[in-house]
N, C-alpha and C. Protein backbone atom coordinates (compact mmCIF):
# COMPACT_ATOMS: atom_id res chain seq x y z
N MET A 1 97.71 101.33 101.58
CA MET A 1 97.46 100.80 100.69
C MET A 1 97.76 99.50 99.91
N ASP A 2 97.21 98.75 99.35
CA ASP A 2 97.42 97.57 99.15
C ASP A 2 97.37 97.71 97.35
N VAL A 3 98.95 97.74 97.48
CA VAL A 3 99.31 97.73 95.86
C VAL A 3 98.79 96.81 94.78
N ASN A 4 99.01 95.62 95.44
CA ASN A 4 98.60 94.16 94.30
C ASN A 4 97.10 94.49 94.24
N ILE A 5 96.27 94.34 94.61
CA ILE A 5 94.61 94.67 94.58
C ILE A 5 94.55 95.75 93.80
N LEU A 6 95.15 96.85 93.75
CA LEU A 6 95.41 98.10 92.65
C LEU A 6 95.47 97.68 91.70
N LYS A 7 97.04 96.78 91.35
CA LYS A 7 97.45 96.49 90.00
C LYS A 7 97.07 95.65 89.47
N GLY A 8 95.91 94.64 90.31
CA GLY A 8 95.08 93.46 89.97
C GLY A 8 93.66 93.87 89.16
N LYS A 9 93.18 94.96 89.85
CA LYS A 9 92.01 95.80 89.62
C LYS A 9 92.20 96.36 87.86
N ILE A 10 93.29 96.99 88.03
CA ILE A 10 93.96 97.78 86.76
C ILE A 10 93.95 96.82 85.05
N VAL A 11 94.72 95.84 85.64
CA VAL A 11 95.14 95.27 84.67
C VAL A 11 93.58 94.16 83.81
N GLU A 12 92.60 93.88 85.34
CA GLU A 12 91.19 93.38 84.92
C GLU A 12 90.52 93.87 84.43
N ARG A 13 90.54 95.66 84.85
CA ARG A 13 89.58 96.56 84.00
C ARG A 13 89.87 97.48 83.06
N CYS A 14 91.48 97.62 82.41
CA CYS A 14 91.89 98.80 81.88
C CYS A 14 92.71 97.84 80.81
N GLY A 15 93.09 96.85 80.96
CA GLY A 15 94.43 95.80 80.29
C GLY A 15 95.79 96.32 80.73
N THR A 16 96.20 97.41 80.76
CA THR A 16 97.35 97.73 81.14
C THR A 16 97.37 98.90 82.20
N ILE A 17 98.62 99.11 82.62
CA ILE A 17 98.92 100.35 83.46
C ILE A 17 99.01 101.60 82.79
N GLN A 18 99.39 101.60 81.37
CA GLN A 18 99.69 102.99 80.37
C GLN A 18 97.89 103.64 80.31
N GLU A 19 97.14 101.82 80.13
CA GLU A 19 96.00 102.50 79.50
C GLU A 19 94.88 102.83 80.57
N PHE A 20 95.30 102.54 81.82
CA PHE A 20 94.79 103.21 82.60
C PHE A 20 95.52 104.77 83.28
N CYS A 21 96.47 104.78 82.97
CA CYS A 21 97.12 106.53 83.08
C CYS A 21 96.36 106.89 82.09
N ASP A 22 96.44 106.40 80.66
CA ASP A 22 95.21 107.59 79.68
C ASP A 22 94.31 107.83 80.40
N ARG A 23 93.35 106.95 80.70
CA ARG A 23 92.04 107.22 81.05
C ARG A 23 91.93 107.94 82.48
N ALA A 24 92.89 107.66 83.51
CA ALA A 24 92.74 108.04 84.23
C ALA A 24 93.61 109.93 84.63
N VAL A 25 93.92 110.33 83.43
CA VAL A 25 94.74 111.19 83.54
C VAL A 25 95.66 110.93 84.64
N PHE A 26 96.81 110.39 84.31
CA PHE A 26 97.58 110.26 85.29
C PHE A 26 99.04 110.12 84.50
N ASN A 27 100.10 111.41 84.50
CA ASN A 27 101.64 110.95 83.78
C ASN A 27 101.91 109.46 84.65
N ARG A 28 102.77 108.85 83.54
CA ARG A 28 102.98 107.48 84.36
C ARG A 28 104.19 107.23 84.75
N SER A 29 105.37 108.08 85.13
CA SER A 29 105.96 108.19 85.98
C SER A 29 105.16 108.49 87.57
N THR A 30 104.67 109.78 87.42
CA THR A 30 103.88 110.01 88.80
C THR A 30 103.02 108.84 89.13
N PHE A 31 102.38 108.25 88.36
CA PHE A 31 101.46 107.04 88.51
C PHE A 31 102.72 106.26 89.73
N ASP A 32 103.63 105.75 88.77
CA ASP A 32 104.43 104.79 89.62
C ASP A 32 105.80 105.00 90.93
N ARG A 33 105.48 106.84 90.82
CA ARG A 33 106.10 106.84 91.85
C ARG A 33 105.10 107.31 93.40
N LYS A 34 103.64 106.67 92.82
CA LYS A 34 102.96 106.88 94.09
C LYS A 34 102.68 105.48 94.28
N MET A 35 102.75 104.44 93.67
CA MET A 35 102.21 102.79 93.36
C MET A 35 103.77 102.95 94.38
N ASN A 36 104.98 103.24 94.12
CA ASN A 36 106.00 102.56 94.60
C ASN A 36 106.16 103.05 96.06
N GLY A 37 105.47 104.44 96.68
CA GLY A 37 105.49 104.86 97.74
C GLY A 37 106.33 105.99 98.20
N LYS A 38 106.26 106.53 97.23
CA LYS A 38 107.30 107.96 97.08
C LYS A 38 106.57 109.00 97.19
N SER A 39 105.39 108.97 97.20
CA SER A 39 104.41 110.19 97.55
C SER A 39 103.54 109.45 97.12
N GLU A 40 102.22 110.45 98.07
CA GLU A 40 100.89 109.68 98.38
C GLU A 40 99.77 110.28 97.24
N PHE A 41 98.75 109.71 97.00
CA PHE A 41 97.58 110.21 96.18
C PHE A 41 96.97 110.86 97.01
N THR A 42 95.98 112.22 96.13
CA THR A 42 95.54 113.06 96.64
C THR A 42 94.22 112.56 96.89
N MET A 43 93.53 112.71 97.23
CA MET A 43 91.85 112.49 97.65
C MET A 43 91.18 112.63 96.24
N GLU A 44 91.80 113.82 95.35
CA GLU A 44 91.18 113.81 93.95
C GLU A 44 91.60 112.55 92.81
N GLU A 45 92.96 112.40 93.26
CA GLU A 45 93.38 111.17 92.42
C GLU A 45 93.28 109.76 92.94
N VAL A 46 92.29 109.85 94.04
CA VAL A 46 91.74 108.42 94.75
C VAL A 46 90.18 108.73 94.23
N ARG A 47 89.54 109.21 93.81
CA ARG A 47 88.18 109.80 93.13
C ARG A 47 88.53 109.00 91.79
N ARG A 48 89.35 109.40 90.94
CA ARG A 48 89.81 109.18 89.61
C ARG A 48 89.98 107.63 89.57
N ILE A 49 91.25 106.96 90.31
CA ILE A 49 90.65 106.21 90.03
C ILE A 49 89.91 104.94 90.25
N VAL A 50 88.84 105.53 91.56
CA VAL A 50 87.55 104.69 91.99
C VAL A 50 86.80 104.81 90.93
N ASN A 51 86.62 106.03 90.06
CA ASN A 51 85.55 105.78 88.70
C ASN A 51 86.23 105.46 87.91
N VAL A 52 87.29 105.39 87.31
CA VAL A 52 87.63 104.82 85.85
C VAL A 52 87.82 103.65 86.30
N LEU A 53 87.94 102.81 87.58
CA LEU A 53 87.95 101.41 87.69
C LEU A 53 86.52 100.73 88.41
N SER A 54 85.99 101.56 88.38
CA SER A 54 84.78 101.44 88.94
C SER A 54 84.51 100.37 89.98
N LEU A 55 84.82 100.88 91.68
CA LEU A 55 85.60 100.47 92.60
C LEU A 55 84.49 100.11 92.89
N SER A 56 83.73 99.46 93.99
CA SER A 56 82.84 99.33 94.96
C SER A 56 83.41 99.96 96.08
N GLU A 57 82.34 100.20 97.32
CA GLU A 57 83.08 100.36 98.80
C GLU A 57 84.03 100.10 99.01
N GLU A 58 83.72 98.39 99.41
CA GLU A 58 84.46 97.37 99.64
C GLU A 58 85.95 97.37 98.91
N GLU A 59 85.64 97.36 97.92
CA GLU A 59 86.77 97.10 96.91
C GLU A 59 88.61 98.29 97.54
N THR A 60 86.99 99.92 97.38
CA THR A 60 87.95 101.11 97.70
C THR A 60 88.65 100.76 98.78
N ARG A 61 87.82 100.53 100.12
CA ARG A 61 88.52 99.97 101.45
C ARG A 61 89.50 99.24 101.70
N ASN A 62 89.25 98.05 100.43
CA ASN A 62 90.30 97.17 100.61
C ASN A 62 91.83 97.32 100.38
N ILE A 63 91.54 98.37 99.21
CA ILE A 63 92.72 98.89 98.39
C ILE A 63 93.86 99.88 98.87
N PHE A 64 92.74 101.39 99.66
CA PHE A 64 93.44 102.57 100.06
C PHE A 64 93.23 102.42 101.83
N PHE A 65 92.72 101.69 102.14
CA PHE A 65 92.43 101.93 103.70
C PHE A 65 93.09 100.19 104.24
N ALA A 66 93.61 99.71 103.58
CA ALA A 66 94.14 97.84 103.95
C ALA A 66 95.01 97.84 105.43
N ASP A 67 95.61 99.75 105.72
CA ASP A 67 96.90 99.57 107.01
C ASP A 67 96.03 99.86 107.92
N VAL A 68 94.95 100.61 108.08
CA VAL A 68 93.49 101.06 109.11
C VAL A 68 93.45 99.88 109.48
N VAL A 69 93.50 100.59 111.05
CA VAL A 69 92.56 98.97 111.92
C VAL A 69 91.44 99.83 112.52
N ALA A 70 90.34 99.13 112.52
CA ALA A 70 89.03 100.01 112.93
C ALA A 70 89.21 99.24 114.79
C-alpha cells in the first residue's frame, strides 16, 4: 500500500484526515493504525475509501496494490 499517495488524495479531496474519517465513517485511531501498517483495511473499508475519494481504477491500484508485482 502506498500511504503517501493515499494521504495526498485525502488532503486533496477532503482537506483533512479527520474530515475524511468523518465522511468515510472511520474511527480516527483505527484509521491511523491501518495507515501505519499495524492492521489491514478490509475490502469494505477499501470500498468506502474509494467511494469517498472518488478514486479511479488506476488510482486504486496505485494505492492499494503498489507492492504487487504483475
